Amino acid sequence: MIDYFIKAIAFQVLFLAVYDLLLKKETFFQWNRFYLIATALLSYSIPLIRIGGANAVLPEEYIIALPEVVLYPSKAIEESAKEPEQIFSYLRIGYWIGFTMTALFFLIKLFKLRTIIRKSIKQKINHYFLVSLEGKNAFSFFNYIFLGNGVSEKNKDHIIEHELVHVRQKHSLDLLFFELQKILCWFNPMSYVYQQRIKELHEFIADAHSVKTTGLDTYFNDLLSETFGINTLSFINPFFKHSLIKKRIVMLNKNQSKQLLKFK
């Protein structure tokens, strides 16, 4: 099992290296979204594939029979056999402790979000709910758009349009998928890198759609004129995050990548 996870993590390192070096700065965002989800799944599937011939039987002419040699007394053999079992037992206990804690933290975050929805003022608009918050936060989760009452009126429509892209394209499903990966493989650092990459990509996708109706200059002003608090929930799509602003502006200014570059 340890060998399996080492291989899976190695594949994720490889896939993410390809993404960062060749795809990350390109503008075919939907392809990149598919790539991140597909490679995350593939990295756990490829190690399960057994290559034919790996377990082939050795021809008899190459088998050399040797006389039995006893190097250790039977008691010593029994004791040495118990050591790996104890190690695996400790590893299992450690895994379940980590799994339980990670799952518990996730459930606590969900409970906090549910509490916010339940206690806040909500407005049903077409196929989504607009939830009013204190302060200047703006983010979305499935068909709920959370908007702080401190956001200026002139920017609210643009921000809602941005968050609607997340809602329509079901970006929350992507984030929950990687959240599940973090829970099941909490010891895998690549799980956290994958989720960070997909969150960046979601913002690029939403920006690209929003700027079509808003205009580039206006959208820049909206993006830079509001200062939102950085939300700590890893499975939501925040409109504003300081560490992402520069990257989003750079991507908005880039020309569309040629389709052939997908396969470079």
C-alpha atoms as a PDB file:
ATOM      1  CA  MET A   1       0.000   0.000   0.000  1.00  0.00           C
ATOM      2  CA  ILE A   2       2.848   2.384   0.835  1.00  0.00           C
ATOM      3  CA  ASP A   3       4.414   1.600  -2.537  1.00  0.00           C
ATOM      4  CA  TYR A   4       1.086   2.417  -4.226  1.00  0.00           C
ATOM      5  CA  PHE A   5       0.803   5.861  -2.620  1.00  0.00           C
ATOM      6  CA  ILE A   6       4.445   6.688  -3.380  1.00  0.00           C
ATOM      7  CA  LYS A   7       3.760   5.957  -7.054  1.00  0.00           C
ATOM      8  CA  ALA A   8       0.509   7.964  -7.009  1.00  0.00           C
ATOM      9  CA  ILE A   9       2.242  10.986  -5.470  1.00  0.00           C
ATOM     10  CA  ALA A  10       5.102  10.680  -7.975  1.00  0.00           C
ATOM     11  CA  PHE A  11       2.606  10.763 -10.863  1.00  0.00           C
ATOM     12  CA  GLN A  12       0.915  13.831  -9.382  1.00  0.00           C
ATOM     13  CA  VAL A  13       4.274  15.595  -9.104  1.00  0.00           C
ATOM     14  CA  LEU A  14       4.904  14.779 -12.774  1.00  0.00           C
ATOM     15  CA  PHE A  15       1.437  15.893 -13.929  1.00  0.00           C
ATOM     16  CA  LEU A  16       1.639  19.151 -11.957  1.00  0.00           C
ATOM     17  CA  ALA A  17       5.114  19.857 -13.328  1.00  0.00           C
ATOM     18  CA  VAL A  18       3.725  19.496 -16.864  1.00  0.00           C
ATOM     19  CA  TYR A  19       0.834  21.806 -15.952  1.00  0.00           C
ATOM     20  CA  ASP A  20       3.060  24.491 -14.410  1.00  0.00           C
ATOM     21  CA  LEU A  21       5.635  24.409 -17.193  1.00  0.00           C
ATOM     22  CA  LEU A  22       3.402  24.068 -20.271  1.00  0.00           C
ATOM     23  CA  LEU A  23      -0.259  24.808 -19.530  1.00  0.00           C
ATOM     24  CA  LYS A  24      -0.647  27.145 -16.566  1.00  0.00           C
ATOM     25  CA  LYS A  25       0.059  30.367 -18.468  1.00  0.00           C
ATOM     26  CA  GLU A  26      -2.146  29.498 -21.451  1.00  0.00           C
ATOM     27  CA  THR A  27      -5.726  30.720 -21.827  1.00  0.00           C
ATOM     28  CA  PHE A  28      -7.569  27.500 -22.757  1.00  0.00           C
ATOM     29  CA  PHE A  29      -8.973  27.374 -19.252  1.00  0.00           C
ATOM     30  CA  GLN A  30     -11.602  24.663 -19.769  1.00  0.00           C
ATOM     31  CA  TRP A  31      -8.967  22.287 -21.132  1.00  0.00           C
ATOM     32  CA  ASN A  32      -6.766  23.042 -18.115  1.00  0.00           C
ATOM     33  CA  ARG A  33      -9.707  22.370 -15.815  1.00  0.00           C
ATOM     34  CA  PHE A  34     -10.221  18.969 -17.434  1.00  0.00           C
ATOM     35  CA  TYR A  35      -6.482  18.268 -17.250  1.00  0.00           C
ATOM     36  CA  LEU A  36      -6.262  18.923 -13.503  1.00  0.00           C
ATOM     37  CA  ILE A  37      -9.259  16.749 -12.640  1.00  0.00           C
ATOM     38  CA  ALA A  38      -8.333  13.952 -15.048  1.00  0.00           C
ATOM     39  CA  THR A  39      -4.685  13.743 -13.978  1.00  0.00           C
ATOM     40  CA  ALA A  40      -5.639  13.723 -10.307  1.00  0.00           C
ATOM     41  CA  LEU A  41      -7.770  10.640 -11.016  1.00  0.00           C
ATOM     42  CA  LEU A  42      -5.187   9.054 -13.311  1.00  0.00           C
ATOM     43  CA  SER A  43      -2.448   9.362 -10.718  1.00  0.00           C
ATOM     44  CA  TYR A  44      -4.393   7.007  -8.449  1.00  0.00           C
ATOM     45  CA  SER A  45      -5.413   4.689 -11.292  1.00  0.00           C
ATOM     46  CA  ILE A  46      -2.110   4.149 -13.124  1.00  0.00           C
ATOM     47  CA  PRO A  47      -0.337   2.419 -10.190  1.00  0.00           C
ATOM     48  CA  LEU A  48      -3.139  -0.175 -10.171  1.00  0.00           C
ATOM     49  CA  ILE A  49      -2.383  -1.237 -13.750  1.00  0.00           C
ATOM     50  CA  ARG A  50      -0.354  -4.424 -13.933  1.00  0.00           C
ATOM     51  CA  ILE A  51       1.889  -4.779 -16.964  1.00  0.00           C
ATOM     52  CA  GLY A  52       1.662  -8.167 -18.671  1.00  0.00           C
ATOM     53  CA  GLY A  53       4.779 -10.256 -18.250  1.00  0.00           C
ATOM     54  CA  ALA A  54       5.695  -8.737 -14.910  1.00  0.00           C
ATOM     55  CA  ASN A  55       4.565 -11.905 -13.186  1.00  0.00           C
ATOM     56  CA  ALA A  56       5.704 -14.308 -15.915  1.00  0.00           C
ATOM     57  CA  VAL A  57       6.820 -17.757 -14.806  1.00  0.00           C
ATOM     58  CA  LEU A  58      10.547 -18.378 -15.141  1.00  0.00           C
ATOM     59  CA  PRO A  59      11.368 -21.332 -17.447  1.00  0.00           C
ATOM     60  CA  GLU A  60      12.545 -24.434 -15.606  1.00  0.00           C
ATOM     61  CA  GLU A  61      15.968 -24.460 -17.301  1.00  0.00           C
ATOM     62  CA  TYR A  62      16.765 -21.167 -15.529  1.00  0.00           C
ATOM     63  CA  ILE A  63      15.742 -22.424 -12.101  1.00  0.00           C
ATOM     64  CA  ILE A  64      18.576 -23.609  -9.894  1.00  0.00           C
ATOM     65  CA  ALA A  65      17.658 -25.733  -6.900  1.00  0.00           C
ATOM     66  CA  LEU A  66      19.707 -24.973  -3.799  1.00  0.00           C
ATOM     67  CA  PRO A  67      19.845 -26.995  -0.609  1.00  0.00           C
ATOM     68  CA  GLU A  68      17.835 -25.589   2.295  1.00  0.00           C
ATOM     69  CA  VAL A  69      19.949 -23.474   4.616  1.00  0.00           C
ATOM     70  CA  VAL A  70      18.658 -22.426   8.047  1.00  0.00           C
ATOM     71  CA  LEU A  71      20.240 -19.158   9.142  1.00  0.00           C
ATOM     72  CA  TYR A  72      18.068 -18.277  12.124  1.00  0.00           C
ATOM     73  CA  PRO A  73      16.297 -20.252  14.798  1.00  0.00           C
ATOM     74  CA  SER A  74      12.523 -20.389  14.361  1.00  0.00           C
ATOM     75  CA  LYS A  75      11.927 -18.119  17.353  1.00  0.00           C
ATOM     76  CA  ALA A  76      14.069 -15.357  15.861  1.00  0.00           C
ATOM     77  CA  ILE A  77      12.187 -15.674  12.572  1.00  0.00           C
ATOM     78  CA  GLU A  78       8.839 -15.297  14.341  1.00  0.00           C
ATOM     79  CA  GLU A  79      10.025 -12.195  16.186  1.00  0.00           C
ATOM     80  CA  SER A  80      11.419 -10.578  13.032  1.00  0.00           C
ATOM     81  CA  ALA A  81       8.149 -11.318  11.219  1.00  0.00           C
ATOM     82  CA  LYS A  82       6.194  -9.451  13.889  1.00  0.00           C
ATOM     83  CA  GLU A  83       8.148  -6.209  13.430  1.00  0.00           C
ATOM     84  CA  PRO A  84       6.673  -5.268  10.001  1.00  0.00           C
ATOM     85  CA  GLU A  85       3.193  -6.084  11.315  1.00  0.00           C
ATOM     86  CA  GLN A  86       3.681  -3.678  14.220  1.00  0.00           C
ATOM     87  CA  ILE A  87       4.964  -0.958  11.894  1.00  0.00           C
ATOM     88  CA  PHE A  88       1.956  -1.334   9.581  1.00  0.00           C
ATOM     89  CA  SER A  89      -0.331  -1.337  12.601  1.00  0.00           C
ATOM     90  CA  TYR A  90       1.104   2.014  13.747  1.00  0.00           C
ATOM     91  CA  LEU A  91       0.831   3.394  10.214  1.00  0.00           C
ATOM     92  CA  ARG A  92      -2.836   2.370  10.030  1.00  0.00           C
ATOM     93  CA  ILE A  93      -3.545   4.063  13.340  1.00  0.00           C
ATOM     94  CA  GLY A  94      -1.718   7.206  12.169  1.00  0.00           C
ATOM     95  CA  TYR A  95      -3.656   7.245   8.893  1.00  0.00           C
ATOM     96  CA  TRP A  96      -7.041   6.990  10.601  1.00  0.00           C
ATOM     97  CA  ILE A  97      -6.129   9.701  13.099  1.00  0.00           C
ATOM     98  CA  GLY A  98      -5.163  12.037  10.240  1.00  0.00           C
ATOM     99  CA  PHE A  99      -8.247  11.050   8.235  1.00  0.00           C
ATOM    100  CA  THR A 100     -10.560  11.678  11.195  1.00  0.00           C
ATOM    101  CA  MET A 101      -9.050  15.079  11.984  1.00  0.00           C
ATOM    102  CA  THR A 102      -9.109  16.242   8.351  1.00  0.00           C
ATOM    103  CA  ALA A 103     -12.700  15.068   7.888  1.00  0.00           C
ATOM    104  CA  LEU A 104     -13.692  16.736  11.156  1.00  0.00           C
ATOM    105  CA  PHE A 105     -12.180  20.072  10.101  1.00  0.00           C
ATOM    106  CA  PHE A 106     -14.072  19.833   6.802  1.00  0.00           C
ATOM    107  CA  LEU A 107     -17.368  19.133   8.574  1.00  0.00           C
ATOM    108  CA  ILE A 108     -16.770  22.074  10.916  1.00  0.00           C
ATOM    109  CA  LYS A 109     -16.257  24.361   7.904  1.00  0.00           C
ATOM    110  CA  LEU A 110     -19.448  23.050   6.307  1.00  0.00           C
ATOM    111  CA  PHE A 111     -21.326  23.627   9.551  1.00  0.00           C
ATOM    112  CA  LYS A 112     -20.045  27.223   9.735  1.00  0.00           C
ATOM    113  CA  LEU A 113     -21.137  27.843   6.160  1.00  0.00           C
ATOM    114  CA  ARG A 114     -24.552  26.323   6.858  1.00  0.00           C
ATOM    115  CA  THR A 115     -24.878  28.578   9.920  1.00  0.00           C
ATOM    116  CA  ILE A 116     -24.069  31.644   7.820  1.00  0.00           C
ATOM    117  CA  ILE A 117     -26.732  30.662   5.277  1.00  0.00           C
ATOM    118  CA  ARG A 118     -29.315  29.977   7.971  1.00  0.00           C
ATOM    119  CA  LYS A 119     -28.760  33.196   9.927  1.00  0.00           C
ATOM    120  CA  SER A 120     -28.209  35.615   7.043  1.00  0.00           C
ATOM    121  CA  ILE A 121     -30.755  37.444   4.922  1.00  0.00           C
ATOM    122  CA  LYS A 122     -31.339  35.500   1.684  1.00  0.00           C
ATOM    123  CA  GLN A 123     -32.956  36.486  -1.584  1.00  0.00           C
ATOM    124  CA  LYS A 124     -33.984  33.974  -4.265  1.00  0.00           C
ATOM    125  CA  ILE A 125     -33.088  35.297  -7.710  1.00  0.00           C
ATOM    126  CA  ASN A 126     -33.788  33.004 -10.663  1.00  0.00           C
ATOM    127  CA  HIS A 127     -31.650  29.900 -10.066  1.00  0.00           C
ATOM    128  CA  TYR A 128     -29.469  31.195  -7.227  1.00  0.00           C
ATOM    129  CA  PHE A 129     -29.684  32.609  -3.695  1.00  0.00           C
ATOM    130  CA  LEU A 130     -28.078  35.936  -2.811  1.00  0.00           C
ATOM    131  CA  VAL A 131     -26.903  35.862   0.807  1.00  0.00           C
ATOM    132  CA  SER A 132     -26.177  39.185   2.517  1.00  0.00           C
ATOM    133  CA  LEU A 133     -23.109  39.337   4.786  1.00  0.00           C
ATOM    134  CA  GLU A 134     -21.434  41.883   7.022  1.00  0.00           C
ATOM    135  CA  GLY A 135     -18.238  43.434   5.706  1.00  0.00           C
ATOM    136  CA  LYS A 136     -16.743  43.181   2.222  1.00  0.00           C
ATOM    137  CA  ASN A 137     -16.628  39.447   1.564  1.00  0.00           C
ATOM    138  CA  ALA A 138     -17.745  38.032  -1.764  1.00  0.00           C
ATOM    139  CA  PHE A 139     -17.722  34.340  -2.654  1.00  0.00           C
ATOM    140  CA  SER A 140     -19.922  31.519  -3.921  1.00  0.00           C
ATOM    141  CA  PHE A 141     -20.744  27.946  -3.004  1.00  0.00           C
ATOM    142  CA  PHE A 142     -22.932  25.924  -5.375  1.00  0.00           C
ATOM    143  CA  ASN A 143     -26.011  28.110  -6.068  1.00  0.00           C
ATOM    144  CA  TYR A 144     -25.382  30.456  -3.122  1.00  0.00           C
ATOM    145  CA  ILE A 145     -23.676  33.795  -3.762  1.00  0.00           C
ATOM    146  CA  PHE A 146     -22.451  35.554  -0.618  1.00  0.00           C
ATOM    147  CA  LEU A 147     -22.034  39.323  -0.867  1.00  0.00           C
ATOM    148  CA  GLY A 148     -20.957  41.726   1.884  1.00  0.00           C
ATOM    149  CA  ASN A 149     -23.020  44.835   2.548  1.00  0.00           C
ATOM    150  CA  GLY A 150     -19.791  46.849   2.499  1.00  0.00           C
ATOM    151  CA  VAL A 151     -19.332  46.284  -1.230  1.00  0.00           C
ATOM    152  CA  SER A 152     -20.023  49.458  -3.219  1.00  0.00           C
ATOM    153  CA  GLU A 153     -23.299  49.522  -5.128  1.00  0.00           C
ATOM    154  CA  LYS A 154     -21.640  50.267  -8.476  1.00  0.00           C
ATOM    155  CA  ASN A 155     -19.595  47.061  -8.257  1.00  0.00           C
ATOM    156  CA  LYS A 156     -22.220  44.647  -6.930  1.00  0.00           C
ATOM    157  CA  ASP A 157     -23.651  43.702 -10.322  1.00  0.00           C
ATOM    158  CA  HIS A 158     -20.201  42.975 -11.758  1.00  0.00           C
ATOM    159  CA  ILE A 159     -19.239  40.852  -8.772  1.00  0.00           C
ATOM    160  CA  ILE A 160     -22.507  38.904  -8.904  1.00  0.00           C
ATOM    161  CA  GLU A 161     -21.978  38.278 -12.619  1.00  0.00           C
ATOM    162  CA  HIS A 162     -18.501  36.968 -11.827  1.00  0.00           C
ATOM    163  CA  GLU A 163     -19.805  34.643  -9.114  1.00  0.00           C
ATOM    164  CA  LEU A 164     -22.597  33.435 -11.400  1.00  0.00           C
ATOM    165  CA  VAL A 165     -19.944  31.938 -13.672  1.00  0.00           C
ATOM    166  CA  HIS A 166     -18.834  29.766 -10.739  1.00  0.00           C
ATOM    167  CA  VAL A 167     -22.462  28.814 -10.096  1.00  0.00           C
ATOM    168  CA  ARG A 168     -23.312  27.966 -13.720  1.00  0.00           C
ATOM    169  CA  GLN A 169     -20.135  25.961 -14.319  1.00  0.00           C
ATOM    170  CA  LYS A 170     -20.467  24.125 -10.982  1.00  0.00           C
ATOM    171  CA  HIS A 171     -16.975  24.978  -9.814  1.00  0.00           C
ATOM    172  CA  SER A 172     -17.935  23.935  -6.287  1.00  0.00           C
ATOM    173  CA  LEU A 173     -17.984  20.312  -7.469  1.00  0.00           C
ATOM    174  CA  ASP A 174     -14.330  20.628  -8.515  1.00  0.00           C
ATOM    175  CA  LEU A 175     -13.373  22.042  -5.138  1.00  0.00           C
ATOM    176  CA  LEU A 176     -15.269  19.359  -3.249  1.00  0.00           C
ATOM    177  CA  PHE A 177     -13.570  16.686  -5.353  1.00  0.00           C
ATOM    178  CA  PHE A 178     -10.151  17.986  -4.331  1.00  0.00           C
ATOM    179  CA  GLU A 179     -11.376  18.461  -0.759  1.00  0.00           C
ATOM    180  CA  LEU A 180     -12.288  14.763  -0.735  1.00  0.00           C
ATOM    181  CA  GLN A 181      -8.810  13.954  -2.061  1.00  0.00           C
ATOM    182  CA  LYS A 182      -7.338  15.974   0.825  1.00  0.00           C
ATOM    183  CA  ILE A 183      -9.400  14.009   3.340  1.00  0.00           C
ATOM    184  CA  LEU A 184      -8.618  10.568   1.936  1.00  0.00           C
ATOM    185  CA  CYS A 185      -4.950  11.376   1.216  1.00  0.00           C
ATOM    186  CA  TRP A 186      -4.292  14.032   3.853  1.00  0.00           C
ATOM    187  CA  PHE A 187      -0.606  13.063   3.910  1.00  0.00           C
ATOM    188  CA  ASN A 188      -0.197  13.876   0.200  1.00  0.00           C
ATOM    189  CA  PRO A 189       1.115  17.450  -0.242  1.00  0.00           C
ATOM    190  CA  MET A 190       0.118  17.386  -3.919  1.00  0.00           C
ATOM    191  CA  SER A 191      -3.557  17.285  -2.877  1.00  0.00           C
ATOM    192  CA  TYR A 192      -3.202  20.820  -1.548  1.00  0.00           C
ATOM    193  CA  VAL A 193      -1.283  21.993  -4.628  1.00  0.00           C
ATOM    194  CA  TYR A 194      -3.992  20.586  -6.918  1.00  0.00           C
ATOM    195  CA  GLN A 195      -6.716  22.430  -5.025  1.00  0.00           C
ATOM    196  CA  GLN A 196      -4.767  25.689  -5.134  1.00  0.00           C
ATOM    197  CA  ARG A 197      -4.262  25.330  -8.905  1.00  0.00           C
ATOM    198  CA  ILE A 198      -7.955  24.640  -9.577  1.00  0.00           C
ATOM    199  CA  LYS A 199      -9.027  27.643  -7.469  1.00  0.00           C
ATOM    200  CA  GLU A 200      -6.742  29.921  -9.480  1.00  0.00           C
ATOM    201  CA  LEU A 201      -8.125  28.475 -12.685  1.00  0.00           C
ATOM    202  CA  HIS A 202     -11.722  29.037 -11.578  1.00  0.00           C
ATOM    203  CA  GLU A 203     -10.976  32.731 -11.110  1.00  0.00           C
ATOM    204  CA  PHE A 204      -9.385  32.954 -14.561  1.00  0.00           C
ATOM    205  CA  ILE A 205     -12.475  31.300 -16.086  1.00  0.00           C
ATOM    206  CA  ALA A 206     -14.883  33.631 -14.283  1.00  0.00           C
ATOM    207  CA  ASP A 207     -12.805  36.704 -15.181  1.00  0.00           C
ATOM    208  CA  ALA A 208     -12.695  35.726 -18.861  1.00  0.00           C
ATOM    209  CA  HIS A 209     -16.502  35.402 -18.982  1.00  0.00           C
ATOM    210  CA  SER A 210     -17.214  38.532 -16.938  1.00  0.00           C
ATOM    211  CA  VAL A 211     -14.965  40.827 -18.945  1.00  0.00           C
ATOM    212  CA  LYS A 212     -16.991  40.049 -22.094  1.00  0.00           C
ATOM    213  CA  THR A 213     -19.989  41.922 -20.690  1.00  0.00           C
ATOM    214  CA  THR A 214     -18.230  44.424 -18.439  1.00  0.00           C
ATOM    215  CA  GLY A 215     -15.291  45.577 -20.527  1.00  0.00           C
ATOM    216  CA  LEU A 216     -11.638  45.194 -19.610  1.00  0.00           C
ATOM    217  CA  ASP A 217     -11.001  48.666 -18.162  1.00  0.00           C
ATOM    218  CA  THR A 218     -14.155  48.660 -16.060  1.00  0.00           C
ATOM    219  CA  TYR A 219     -13.434  45.174 -14.781  1.00  0.00           C
ATOM    220  CA  PHE A 220      -9.896  46.177 -13.752  1.00  0.00           C
ATOM    221  CA  ASN A 221     -11.311  49.071 -11.759  1.00  0.00           C
ATOM    222  CA  ASP A 222     -13.817  46.792 -10.031  1.00  0.00           C
ATOM    223  CA  LEU A 223     -11.145  44.240  -9.249  1.00  0.00           C
ATOM    224  CA  LEU A 224      -8.790  46.767  -7.700  1.00  0.00           C
ATOM    225  CA  SER A 225     -11.216  49.185  -6.051  1.00  0.00           C
ATOM    226  CA  GLU A 226     -12.703  46.719  -3.552  1.00  0.00           C
ATOM    227  CA  THR A 227     -10.777  45.168  -0.677  1.00  0.00           C
ATOM    228  CA  PHE A 228     -12.343  41.960   0.581  1.00  0.00           C
ATOM    229  CA  GLY A 229     -11.360  39.838   3.552  1.00  0.00           C
ATOM    230  CA  ILE A 230      -9.646  36.605   2.573  1.00  0.00           C
ATOM    231  CA  ASN A 231     -11.926  33.725   3.442  1.00  0.00           C
ATOM    232  CA  THR A 232     -10.328  30.605   4.919  1.00  0.00           C
ATOM    233  CA  LEU A 233     -12.770  28.087   3.469  1.00  0.00           C
ATOM    234  CA  SER A 234     -10.841  26.044   0.925  1.00  0.00           C
ATOM    235  CA  PHE A 235     -13.933  24.832  -0.951  1.00  0.00           C
ATOM    236  CA  ILE A 236     -15.474  28.202  -1.890  1.00  0.00           C
ATOM    237  CA  ASN A 237     -14.757  30.573  -4.794  1.00  0.00           C
ATOM    238  CA  PRO A 238     -13.802  33.993  -3.362  1.00  0.00           C
ATOM    239  CA  PHE A 239     -14.074  36.991  -5.694  1.00  0.00           C
ATOM    240  CA  PHE A 240     -11.094  38.771  -4.240  1.00  0.00           C
ATOM    241  CA  LYS A 241      -7.913  37.226  -2.874  1.00  0.00           C
ATOM    242  CA  HIS A 242      -4.821  39.405  -2.598  1.00  0.00           C
ATOM    243  CA  SER A 243      -2.381  36.708  -3.729  1.00  0.00           C
ATOM    244  CA  LEU A 244      -4.416  36.118  -6.900  1.00  0.00           C
ATOM    245  CA  ILE A 245      -5.063  39.669  -8.083  1.00  0.00           C
ATOM    246  CA  LYS A 246      -1.795  40.117  -9.989  1.00  0.00           C
ATOM    247  CA  LYS A 247      -2.152  36.723 -11.705  1.00  0.00           C
ATOM    248  CA  ARG A 248      -5.754  37.481 -12.700  1.00  0.00           C
ATOM    249  CA  ILE A 249      -4.801  40.824 -14.225  1.00  0.00           C
ATOM    250  CA  VAL A 250      -1.943  39.221 -16.170  1.00  0.00           C
ATOM    251  CA  MET A 251      -4.250  36.503 -17.533  1.00  0.00           C
ATOM    252  CA  LEU A 252      -6.904  39.053 -18.534  1.00  0.00           C
ATOM    253  CA  ASN A 253      -4.308  40.930 -20.584  1.00  0.00           C
ATOM    254  CA  LYS A 254      -3.061  37.842 -22.410  1.00  0.00           C
ATOM    255  CA  ASN A 255      -4.118  37.048 -25.947  1.00  0.00           C
ATOM    256  CA  GLN A 256      -6.046  33.835 -26.492  1.00  0.00           C
ATOM    257  CA  SER A 257      -3.725  30.838 -26.766  1.00  0.00           C
ATOM    258  CA  LYS A 258      -3.820  28.928 -30.023  1.00  0.00           C
ATOM    259  CA  GLN A 259      -5.632  25.590 -29.799  1.00  0.00           C
ATOM    260  CA  LEU A 260      -2.559  23.732 -31.083  1.00  0.00           C
ATOM    261  CA  LEU A 261      -0.667  24.808 -27.972  1.00  0.00           C
ATOM    262  CA  LYS A 262      -2.753  22.360 -25.965  1.00  0.00           C
ATOM    263  CA  PHE A 263      -0.625  19.594 -27.388  1.00  0.00           C
ATOM    264  CA  LYS A 264       2.774  21.257 -27.289  1.00  0.00           C
END
